[in-house]
Amino acid sequence: MTTESTSIPPSSGPWPSAGQFAGLTSLASPRAGSGRLALPARRPARTRFAAVPLVTADVFAVLLATAVQTAAHRRWEFALLVAGLVVLLDGRAGLHRPSAVPVGVLDEVPALAARAGVAWSVTAALVAASAPELAIGPLRLAAGYATHVVAVVVLRGFVHGRRRRAARAHPRSALVVGAPGPARRFAAALGQHPEYGIRPVGIVGPRPDGDRGRDGERGLPVLTTAEEIHRAVIQNTVRDAVLLTEDEGLVTLFQQYGCTTWRVGGEPSGEPMADHLWGYGCRRLVPAGARRGLTAKRVLDVALAAPALALALPVLLLCALAVRIADGPGVLFRQERVGQHGRLFTLLKFRTLKPADETESATRWSVADDHRMSAAGHFLRKTSLDELPQLWNVLRGDMSLVGPRPERPYFVAQFSRVHAGYAARHRMPVGLTGLAQVHGLRGDTSIEDRCRFDNHYIDHWSLWQDVCILLRTAAGLVRPTGS
């Protein structure tokens, strides 16, 4: 289906979406040239591993408590149950999510203590029911629970302290969205309080009459068009967008750029804002396509991809040897693809053909019948073995096992202009296989049909659907057709 390349020339088209820049109509109409905007610059996903230190603190606190309070011959089984419940309950309560503001561990104590109590009580009840002779007495249970709470407060306090120091030393660039007056006052407040780790670099809003485009106090530019926003995001590596007013179009636009979006001030729909930025109520706006079940999807990806990669190691070595003998050096190729929310990532495959030049590799749709391809290349493509290195992309978090297939930026721009809803495929992580692929839509097949299948998959996503697609993909390997 795809050609190989080590680099991709800049896209000639925009990064479009359904209702692109719709929210900007309330500010100013984009200039005529804004339709030629390029893809946003590549930036690593900064929150991919943000939960790891807090999860580690929760687990280590459980291990410490069980090590000193439970019988040695049942210690690790008990610890595993408590740790699993604690991580699950804390995760569901959002205690592992990155916050817009410096978090104090004392604010978390009630939530942490309550969930730790549930985890210890449930685990003790299960142990008593399954093995009464190993039941934990109330005093030992209370001591273990208390040790856990103290340990988790100390460990999380250390994690939050490090994050506060890092936020002050390396503030994130942000755009403030709202009327110029309130936006300037809010930006000034953030500028005077670096402990929040947010550095305003511009204001998105209507430009008052006589305003030349800059805030006289802080020198912040006032951005009124999609092109100006795009340029500011790229040049300043903007990571956050803080909205003082509701604007779904701008929320979608910033999330497509990979920015974290925050709603500040007011409590729309009666939803409270527990966090605050210098007294301004604040809450994170979750992308429309995000679901809590995506955590389970990621767990499934890691649980299956890690052992699959280990078991496939002999096959990977044989494939690499075949490519090396048949086609010479350069066993793997790396190619830029468009992932979730338009982020670019480097996809890995076994090399099956050396393109004539970079233009061919970036813009030629299919090389399935190219006479330059060796017998080894034909075999790898026919059996889809050339896709095996993408298991590493799955482990890295660039891809999922199941999702819309990723494409090159050049074709994403072209297809998005021609096929309505094509860009909406990027609401979910891209995948090794998908609903379109198990229905035979791979290689040189209808893009419109693939787009329809991909969006149907996203709109009706479930973990069971992923399992079914993986089973159908495995069954299809028995009668491979390749691409």
Protein backbone atom coordinates (compact mmCIF):
# COMPACT_ATOMS: atom_id res chain seq x y z
CA MET A 1 0.00 0.00 0.00
CA THR A 2 2.79 2.39 0.75
CA THR A 3 6.23 3.21 -0.49
CA GLU A 4 9.37 3.57 1.54
CA SER A 5 11.35 6.63 2.44
CA THR A 6 13.72 8.00 5.00
CA SER A 7 12.30 11.51 4.77
CA ILE A 8 9.19 13.30 3.60
CA PRO A 9 9.11 16.64 1.84
CA PRO A 10 6.84 19.31 3.25
CA SER A 11 3.16 18.83 2.56
CA SER A 12 1.63 21.03 -0.04
CA GLY A 13 -1.79 21.00 1.57
CA PRO A 14 -3.41 21.99 4.85
CA TRP A 15 -4.19 19.96 7.90
CA PRO A 16 -7.97 20.10 7.48
CA SER A 17 -10.81 18.93 9.65
CA ALA A 18 -14.56 18.92 9.74
CA GLY A 19 -15.63 22.49 10.45
CA GLN A 20 -12.09 23.75 10.17
CA PHE A 21 -11.57 27.08 11.96
CA ALA A 22 -15.31 27.36 12.56
CA GLY A 23 -14.77 29.10 15.88
CA LEU A 24 -12.74 31.87 14.28
CA THR A 25 -15.70 33.40 12.52
CA SER A 26 -16.56 35.20 15.74
CA LEU A 27 -13.12 36.83 15.70
CA ALA A 28 -12.24 37.60 12.10
CA SER A 29 -12.38 35.88 8.76
CA PRO A 30 -9.20 34.05 7.80
CA ARG A 31 -7.21 35.69 5.06
CA ALA A 32 -7.35 34.20 1.60
CA GLY A 33 -3.98 32.61 2.00
CA SER A 34 -4.87 30.71 5.16
CA GLY A 35 -6.13 27.77 3.12
CA ARG A 36 -2.51 26.93 2.35
CA LEU A 37 -1.47 26.34 5.93
CA ALA A 38 1.03 23.54 6.38
CA LEU A 39 0.94 20.75 8.91
CA PRO A 40 1.87 21.78 12.45
CA ALA A 41 5.49 21.17 13.42
CA ARG A 42 6.22 17.82 14.99
CA ARG A 43 6.24 17.85 18.78
CA PRO A 44 6.50 14.88 21.11
CA ALA A 45 3.46 14.10 23.18
CA ARG A 46 4.46 15.57 26.51
CA THR A 47 1.80 13.80 28.60
CA ARG A 48 2.37 10.28 27.32
CA PHE A 49 4.25 9.19 30.45
CA ALA A 50 3.01 11.91 32.81
CA ALA A 51 1.16 9.40 34.99
CA VAL A 52 4.14 7.08 35.52
CA PRO A 53 5.71 8.84 38.57
CA LEU A 54 2.37 9.04 40.41
CA VAL A 55 1.46 5.43 39.60
CA THR A 56 4.92 4.39 40.79
CA ALA A 57 4.42 6.30 44.04
CA ASP A 58 1.06 4.59 44.63
CA VAL A 59 2.48 1.12 43.99
CA PHE A 60 5.64 1.68 46.06
CA ALA A 61 3.55 2.91 49.00
CA VAL A 62 1.53 -0.32 48.87
CA LEU A 63 4.69 -2.45 48.71
CA LEU A 64 6.15 -0.62 51.70
CA ALA A 65 2.98 -1.01 53.75
CA THR A 66 2.52 -4.71 52.96
CA ALA A 67 6.21 -5.44 53.55
CA VAL A 68 5.98 -4.36 57.19
CA GLN A 69 2.41 -5.34 58.04
CA THR A 70 1.49 -8.69 56.43
CA ALA A 71 2.67 -12.27 56.77
CA ALA A 72 5.66 -13.08 54.58
CA HIS A 73 4.13 -16.13 52.88
CA ARG A 74 1.14 -14.11 51.60
CA ARG A 75 2.80 -10.70 51.34
CA TRP A 76 3.20 -10.33 47.60
CA GLU A 77 -0.20 -11.75 46.68
CA PHE A 78 -1.83 -9.30 49.07
CA ALA A 79 0.31 -6.42 47.78
CA LEU A 80 -0.59 -7.21 44.18
CA LEU A 81 -4.31 -7.08 44.92
CA VAL A 82 -4.09 -3.85 46.93
CA ALA A 83 -1.82 -2.15 44.37
CA GLY A 84 -4.10 -3.12 41.49
CA LEU A 85 -7.18 -1.74 43.25
CA VAL A 86 -5.39 1.46 44.30
CA VAL A 87 -4.11 2.19 40.79
CA LEU A 88 -7.55 1.45 39.32
CA LEU A 89 -9.45 3.62 41.81
CA ASP A 90 -6.96 6.49 41.72
CA GLY A 91 -6.89 6.39 37.93
CA ARG A 92 -10.67 6.49 37.67
CA ALA A 93 -10.71 9.48 40.03
CA GLY A 94 -8.24 11.38 37.84
CA LEU A 95 -5.46 11.33 40.45
CA HIS A 96 -2.88 10.39 37.82
CA ARG A 97 -3.76 13.08 35.28
CA PRO A 98 -1.49 16.07 34.63
CA SER A 99 -2.86 19.27 36.11
CA ALA A 100 -2.72 22.82 34.83
CA VAL A 101 -1.75 24.11 38.25
CA PRO A 102 0.83 23.16 40.88
CA VAL A 103 -0.79 20.42 42.93
CA GLY A 104 -0.39 20.19 46.70
CA VAL A 105 -0.45 16.68 48.12
CA LEU A 106 -2.54 17.85 51.10
CA ASP A 107 -5.38 18.62 48.69
CA GLU A 108 -5.30 14.98 47.57
CA VAL A 109 -5.23 13.37 51.03
CA PRO A 110 -9.01 12.84 51.40
CA ALA A 111 -9.33 11.20 47.97
CA LEU A 112 -6.18 9.10 48.44
CA ALA A 113 -7.14 7.98 51.94
CA ALA A 114 -10.69 7.03 50.91
CA ARG A 115 -9.58 4.92 47.98
CA ALA A 116 -6.77 3.31 49.95
CA GLY A 117 -9.32 2.34 52.60
CA VAL A 118 -11.55 0.72 50.00
CA ALA A 119 -8.62 -1.17 48.47
CA TRP A 120 -7.35 -2.53 51.81
CA SER A 121 -10.83 -3.46 53.05
CA VAL A 122 -11.83 -5.25 49.84
CA THR A 123 -8.52 -7.12 49.67
CA ALA A 124 -8.74 -8.18 53.33
CA ALA A 125 -12.30 -9.41 52.77
CA LEU A 126 -11.26 -11.44 49.72
CA VAL A 127 -8.36 -13.02 51.62
CA ALA A 128 -10.59 -13.88 54.58
CA ALA A 129 -13.20 -15.43 52.29
CA SER A 130 -10.74 -17.51 50.25
CA ALA A 131 -8.37 -18.54 53.06
CA PRO A 132 -9.78 -17.90 56.57
CA GLU A 133 -6.60 -19.10 58.23
CA LEU A 134 -4.71 -16.24 56.55
CA ALA A 135 -7.21 -13.53 57.46
CA ILE A 136 -5.66 -10.23 58.58
CA GLY A 137 -6.70 -8.94 61.98
CA PRO A 138 -8.19 -5.47 62.40
CA LEU A 139 -5.10 -4.05 64.12
CA ARG A 140 -2.74 -5.27 61.43
CA LEU A 141 -5.13 -4.07 58.74
CA ALA A 142 -5.35 -0.61 60.32
CA ALA A 143 -1.56 -0.42 60.70
CA GLY A 144 -1.02 -1.39 57.07
CA TYR A 145 -3.58 1.14 55.89
CA ALA A 146 -2.03 3.93 57.97
CA THR A 147 1.47 3.08 56.74
CA HIS A 148 0.19 3.16 53.16
CA VAL A 149 -1.45 6.59 53.55
CA VAL A 150 1.64 8.13 55.14
CA ALA A 151 3.94 6.61 52.51
CA VAL A 152 1.81 7.70 49.56
CA VAL A 153 1.55 11.27 50.91
CA VAL A 154 5.32 11.50 51.30
CA LEU A 155 6.08 9.96 47.89
CA ARG A 156 3.47 12.01 46.03
CA GLY A 157 4.67 15.14 47.80
CA PHE A 158 8.14 14.47 46.42
CA VAL A 159 6.74 13.97 42.87
CA HIS A 160 4.63 17.15 43.01
CA GLY A 161 7.59 19.12 44.38
CA ARG A 162 9.76 18.09 41.46
CA ARG A 163 7.00 19.01 39.02
CA ARG A 164 6.57 22.46 40.56
CA ARG A 165 10.29 23.16 40.29
CA ALA A 166 10.33 21.92 36.68
CA ALA A 167 7.29 24.08 35.82
CA ARG A 168 8.95 27.20 37.21
CA ALA A 169 12.23 26.47 35.42
CA HIS A 170 10.67 25.46 32.09
CA PRO A 171 7.28 27.18 31.62
CA ARG A 172 4.98 26.07 28.81
CA SER A 173 4.08 28.55 26.09
CA ALA A 174 0.36 29.30 25.97
CA LEU A 175 -2.20 31.36 24.08
CA VAL A 176 -4.99 33.11 25.98
CA VAL A 177 -8.39 33.21 24.24
CA GLY A 178 -10.92 35.89 25.11
CA ALA A 179 -11.81 39.56 24.94
CA PRO A 180 -8.62 41.68 24.97
CA GLY A 181 -9.26 43.33 28.36
CA PRO A 182 -9.87 40.20 30.48
CA ALA A 183 -7.30 38.22 28.46
CA ARG A 184 -4.59 40.81 29.12
CA ARG A 185 -5.35 40.90 32.85
CA PHE A 186 -5.23 37.11 33.03
CA ALA A 187 -1.98 36.97 31.03
CA ALA A 188 -0.45 39.61 33.33
CA ALA A 189 -1.41 37.55 36.38
CA LEU A 190 0.25 34.45 34.95
CA GLY A 191 3.34 36.46 34.05
CA GLN A 192 3.66 37.62 37.65
CA HIS A 193 3.29 34.08 39.03
CA PRO A 194 5.75 31.74 37.29
CA GLU A 195 4.95 28.96 39.77
CA TYR A 196 2.08 27.94 37.51
CA GLY A 197 4.50 27.03 34.74
CA ILE A 198 2.49 28.79 32.00
CA ARG A 199 3.98 31.62 29.92
CA PRO A 200 1.45 33.55 27.76
CA VAL A 201 2.87 34.37 24.33
CA GLY A 202 -0.23 35.77 22.64
CA ILE A 203 -3.92 36.65 22.88
CA VAL A 204 -6.57 35.23 20.56
CA GLY A 205 -9.54 37.55 20.25
CA PRO A 206 -11.07 40.50 18.43
CA ARG A 207 -8.69 43.42 17.98
CA PRO A 208 -10.13 46.64 19.42
CA ASP A 209 -10.38 49.71 17.21
CA GLY A 210 -7.08 51.54 17.11
CA ASP A 211 -5.18 48.54 18.50
CA ARG A 212 -2.10 47.81 16.40
CA GLY A 213 -1.98 44.20 17.46
CA ARG A 214 0.04 44.34 20.69
CA ASP A 215 -0.68 44.65 24.36
CA GLY A 216 1.20 47.71 25.52
CA GLU A 217 1.90 46.26 28.96
CA ARG A 218 3.38 42.90 28.01
CA GLY A 219 3.94 43.21 24.30
CA LEU A 220 1.68 40.22 23.57
CA PRO A 221 0.41 40.02 19.99
CA VAL A 222 -3.35 39.92 19.41
CA LEU A 223 -4.19 37.12 16.96
CA THR A 224 -7.40 37.37 14.96
CA THR A 225 -7.05 34.90 12.07
CA ALA A 226 -6.41 31.19 11.65
CA GLU A 227 -3.14 31.93 9.87
CA GLU A 228 -1.87 34.08 12.74
CA ILE A 229 -2.78 31.39 15.27
CA HIS A 230 -1.06 28.74 13.18
CA ARG A 231 2.12 30.81 12.92
CA ALA A 232 2.14 31.53 16.67
CA VAL A 233 1.71 27.86 17.55
CA ILE A 234 4.62 26.85 15.34
CA GLN A 235 7.03 29.67 16.17
CA ASN A 236 6.48 29.63 19.94
CA THR A 237 5.95 25.86 20.34
CA VAL A 238 2.63 26.58 22.04
CA ARG A 239 1.59 23.71 24.29
CA ASP A 240 -1.49 25.12 26.04
CA ALA A 241 -4.54 27.17 25.10
CA VAL A 242 -6.42 28.88 27.93
CA LEU A 243 -9.98 29.87 27.02
CA LEU A 244 -11.75 32.58 29.00
CA THR A 245 -14.85 32.12 26.82
CA GLU A 246 -16.50 29.05 25.27
CA ASP A 247 -15.62 28.44 21.61
CA GLU A 248 -15.91 24.87 20.36
CA GLY A 249 -14.28 25.73 17.05
CA LEU A 250 -11.13 27.03 18.71
CA VAL A 251 -11.04 24.11 21.16
CA THR A 252 -11.07 21.71 18.21
CA LEU A 253 -8.42 23.74 16.36
CA PHE A 254 -6.00 23.83 19.31
CA GLN A 255 -6.51 20.14 20.06
CA GLN A 256 -5.69 19.33 16.44
CA TYR A 257 -2.43 21.22 16.95
CA GLY A 258 -1.71 18.93 19.92
CA CYS A 259 -2.28 21.67 22.51
CA THR A 260 -3.81 21.02 25.91
CA THR A 261 -6.94 23.17 26.26
CA TRP A 262 -8.17 24.70 29.52
CA ARG A 263 -11.39 26.53 30.38
CA VAL A 264 -10.83 29.35 32.86
CA GLY A 265 -13.46 31.37 34.69
CA GLY A 266 -17.15 30.58 35.13
CA GLU A 267 -18.75 27.20 35.64
CA PRO A 268 -20.64 26.30 32.45
CA SER A 269 -23.40 23.69 32.80
CA GLY A 270 -22.92 23.83 36.56
CA GLU A 271 -19.69 21.86 36.36
CA PRO A 272 -17.37 22.94 39.19
CA MET A 273 -13.76 23.89 38.54
CA ALA A 274 -11.71 22.41 41.36
CA ASP A 275 -8.35 23.79 40.15
CA HIS A 276 -7.51 27.46 39.92
CA LEU A 277 -4.94 29.73 38.30
CA TRP A 278 -4.36 32.67 40.62
CA GLY A 279 -8.00 32.55 41.74
CA TYR A 280 -9.44 31.87 38.28
CA GLY A 281 -11.41 28.59 38.25
CA CYS A 282 -9.83 26.13 35.80
CA ARG A 283 -10.61 22.74 34.29
CA ARG A 284 -9.18 20.75 31.42
CA LEU A 285 -11.26 20.33 28.25
CA VAL A 286 -11.07 16.71 27.09
CA PRO A 287 -11.06 16.15 23.29
CA ALA A 288 -14.40 15.10 21.90
CA GLY A 289 -13.02 11.78 20.70
CA ALA A 290 -11.44 10.86 24.02
CA ARG A 291 -13.03 8.11 26.09
CA ARG A 292 -12.15 6.61 29.42
CA GLY A 293 -12.03 3.25 27.66
CA LEU A 294 -8.92 4.37 25.79
CA THR A 295 -6.93 3.55 28.91
CA ALA A 296 -8.12 -0.05 28.60
CA LYS A 297 -7.27 0.10 24.90
CA ARG A 298 -3.71 1.13 25.73
CA VAL A 299 -3.44 -1.66 28.32
CA LEU A 300 -4.59 -4.16 25.67
CA ASP A 301 -2.01 -2.80 23.22
CA VAL A 302 0.88 -3.22 25.65
CA ALA A 303 -0.34 -6.59 26.96
CA LEU A 304 -0.46 -8.06 23.44
CA ALA A 305 2.29 -6.16 21.60
CA ALA A 306 5.05 -6.83 24.13
CA PRO A 307 4.80 -10.66 24.10
CA ALA A 308 4.06 -10.62 20.36
CA LEU A 309 7.27 -8.71 19.70
CA ALA A 310 9.24 -11.14 21.87
CA LEU A 311 7.72 -14.22 20.19
CA ALA A 312 8.21 -12.72 16.72
CA LEU A 313 11.92 -12.04 17.30
CA PRO A 314 13.12 -15.13 15.34
CA VAL A 315 10.81 -14.18 12.44
CA LEU A 316 12.05 -10.59 12.56
CA LEU A 317 15.64 -11.78 12.36
CA LEU A 318 14.87 -14.04 9.39
CA CYS A 319 13.05 -11.22 7.58
CA ALA A 320 15.95 -8.85 8.23
CA LEU A 321 18.41 -11.42 6.91
CA ALA A 322 16.31 -11.99 3.76
CA VAL A 323 16.12 -8.24 3.05
CA ARG A 324 19.85 -7.81 3.67
CA ILE A 325 20.76 -10.62 1.25
CA ALA A 326 18.25 -9.68 -1.45
CA ASP A 327 18.44 -5.89 -1.38
CA GLY A 328 21.62 -4.94 0.45
CA PRO A 329 22.13 -2.63 3.44
CA GLY A 330 19.25 -0.77 5.04
CA VAL A 331 16.94 -3.44 6.42
CA LEU A 332 14.47 -1.04 8.02
CA PHE A 333 13.02 2.14 6.61
CA ARG A 334 11.52 4.99 8.55
CA GLN A 335 8.71 7.09 7.18
CA GLU A 336 6.79 10.06 8.55
CA ARG A 337 3.09 9.33 9.04
CA VAL A 338 0.16 11.26 10.49
CA GLY A 339 -1.10 9.94 13.82
CA GLN A 340 -3.76 10.90 16.34
CA HIS A 341 -4.74 14.61 16.29
CA GLY A 342 -2.43 15.17 13.32
CA ARG A 343 0.83 14.46 15.18
CA LEU A 344 3.63 13.19 12.98
CA PHE A 345 5.54 10.07 13.99
CA THR A 346 8.13 7.79 12.43
CA LEU A 347 6.66 4.49 11.23
CA LEU A 348 8.91 1.43 10.95
CA LYS A 349 8.72 -1.28 8.29
CA PHE A 350 11.01 -3.75 6.59
CA ARG A 351 12.34 -2.26 3.38
CA THR A 352 10.92 -3.95 0.31
CA LEU A 353 11.94 -1.42 -2.37
CA LYS A 354 14.38 1.44 -2.76
CA PRO A 355 12.54 4.38 -4.37
CA ALA A 356 14.22 6.37 -7.10
CA ASP A 357 14.10 9.60 -5.05
CA GLU A 358 12.31 11.30 -2.17
CA THR A 359 9.54 12.67 -4.40
CA GLU A 360 8.59 9.17 -5.53
CA SER A 361 8.58 7.83 -1.98
CA ALA A 362 6.41 10.68 -0.74
CA THR A 363 3.86 10.87 -3.55
CA ARG A 364 3.65 7.49 -5.27
CA TRP A 365 0.58 5.66 -4.04
CA SER A 366 1.48 1.99 -4.55
CA VAL A 367 4.51 -0.07 -5.56
CA ALA A 368 2.89 -3.48 -5.16
CA ASP A 369 3.62 -4.50 -8.78
CA ASP A 370 6.87 -2.63 -9.26
CA HIS A 371 9.36 -4.68 -11.32
CA ARG A 372 12.23 -3.40 -9.17
CA MET A 373 10.96 -5.30 -6.13
CA SER A 374 12.92 -8.44 -5.24
CA ALA A 375 11.38 -11.83 -4.50
CA ALA A 376 11.99 -11.23 -0.80
CA GLY A 377 10.18 -7.91 -1.00
CA HIS A 378 7.20 -9.48 -2.78
CA PHE A 379 6.99 -12.21 -0.15
CA LEU A 380 7.16 -9.78 2.76
CA ARG A 381 4.42 -7.59 1.29
CA LYS A 382 2.18 -10.51 0.34
CA THR A 383 2.38 -11.98 3.85
CA SER A 384 2.33 -8.55 5.57
CA LEU A 385 5.52 -9.52 7.42
CA ASP A 386 6.98 -6.16 6.42
CA GLU A 387 4.57 -4.59 8.96
CA LEU A 388 5.95 -6.50 11.97
CA PRO A 389 8.37 -3.74 13.12
CA GLN A 390 5.32 -1.58 13.79
CA LEU A 391 4.82 -3.56 16.99
CA TRP A 392 7.57 -1.30 18.32
CA ASN A 393 5.49 1.74 17.28
CA VAL A 394 2.62 0.26 19.29
CA LEU A 395 4.78 -0.17 22.38
CA ARG A 396 6.07 3.40 22.02
CA GLY A 397 2.50 4.72 21.93
CA ASP A 398 2.73 6.08 18.38
CA MET A 399 0.09 3.60 17.25
CA SER A 400 -2.50 1.17 18.57
CA LEU A 401 -3.02 -2.43 17.50
CA VAL A 402 -6.43 -1.46 16.08
CA GLY A 403 -7.33 1.85 14.47
CA PRO A 404 -7.34 3.70 11.13
CA ARG A 405 -4.21 2.98 9.13
CA PRO A 406 -1.74 5.91 9.19
CA GLU A 407 -0.91 7.66 5.94
CA ARG A 408 1.76 10.04 4.67
CA PRO A 409 1.21 13.79 5.13
CA TYR A 410 1.02 14.36 1.37
CA PHE A 411 -1.91 11.96 0.95
CA VAL A 412 -3.62 13.08 4.17
CA ALA A 413 -3.78 16.60 2.76
CA GLN A 414 -5.04 15.38 -0.62
CA PHE A 415 -7.67 12.97 0.73
CA SER A 416 -8.91 15.46 3.33
CA ARG A 417 -9.77 17.95 0.60
CA VAL A 418 -11.59 15.36 -1.52
CA HIS A 419 -13.31 13.08 1.02
CA ALA A 420 -15.55 14.57 3.71
CA GLY A 421 -14.67 13.19 7.11
CA TYR A 422 -11.23 11.86 6.17
CA ALA A 423 -9.43 14.06 8.71
CA ALA A 424 -11.91 12.95 11.40
CA ARG A 425 -10.22 9.53 11.26
CA HIS A 426 -7.45 11.04 13.36
CA ARG A 427 -9.68 11.40 16.43
CA MET A 428 -8.38 7.99 17.56
CA PRO A 429 -4.89 6.46 17.58
CA VAL A 430 -3.89 4.99 14.24
CA GLY A 431 -3.44 1.23 14.13
CA LEU A 432 -1.75 -1.83 12.67
CA THR A 433 -5.11 -3.11 11.49
CA GLY A 434 -8.65 -1.80 11.49
CA LEU A 435 -12.27 -2.35 10.61
CA ALA A 436 -11.62 -1.31 7.00
CA GLN A 437 -8.71 -3.74 6.63
CA VAL A 438 -10.64 -6.80 7.90
CA HIS A 439 -13.30 -5.98 5.29
CA GLY A 440 -10.70 -6.17 2.52
CA LEU A 441 -10.09 -2.43 2.16
CA ARG A 442 -6.33 -2.32 1.88
CA GLY A 443 -3.90 -1.61 -0.91
CA ASP A 444 -5.37 0.16 -3.92
CA THR A 445 -8.99 0.30 -2.72
CA SER A 446 -11.59 3.03 -2.25
CA ILE A 447 -10.47 5.79 0.10
CA GLU A 448 -14.10 6.87 0.55
CA ASP A 449 -15.04 3.37 1.75
CA ARG A 450 -12.07 3.22 4.11
CA CYS A 451 -12.97 6.63 5.52
CA ARG A 452 -16.54 5.50 6.15
CA PHE A 453 -15.40 2.28 7.90
CA ASP A 454 -12.81 4.12 10.01
CA ASN A 455 -15.29 6.71 11.27
CA HIS A 456 -17.87 4.01 11.97
CA TYR A 457 -15.23 2.19 14.04
CA ILE A 458 -14.46 5.35 16.05
CA ASP A 459 -18.11 6.28 16.60
CA HIS A 460 -18.94 2.77 17.87
CA TRP A 461 -15.66 1.92 19.54
CA SER A 462 -15.53 -0.73 22.25
CA LEU A 463 -12.78 -2.92 23.64
CA TRP A 464 -14.63 -6.01 22.44
CA GLN A 465 -14.69 -4.60 18.91
CA ASP A 466 -10.90 -4.31 19.07
CA VAL A 467 -10.63 -7.95 20.17
CA CYS A 468 -12.90 -9.07 17.32
CA ILE A 469 -10.88 -7.12 14.74
CA LEU A 470 -7.64 -8.64 16.06
CA LEU A 471 -9.11 -12.16 15.84
CA ARG A 472 -10.31 -11.53 12.28
CA THR A 473 -6.89 -10.13 11.36
CA ALA A 474 -5.19 -13.23 12.78
CA ALA A 475 -7.56 -15.47 10.79
CA GLY A 476 -6.78 -13.45 7.65
CA LEU A 477 -3.07 -14.19 8.00
CA VAL A 478 -3.83 -17.80 7.08
CA ARG A 479 -4.90 -16.61 3.63
CA PRO A 480 -2.64 -13.57 3.12
CA THR A 481 -3.23 -11.14 0.27
CA GLY A 482 -0.72 -8.39 1.16
CA SER A 483 -0.86 -4.90 -0.28
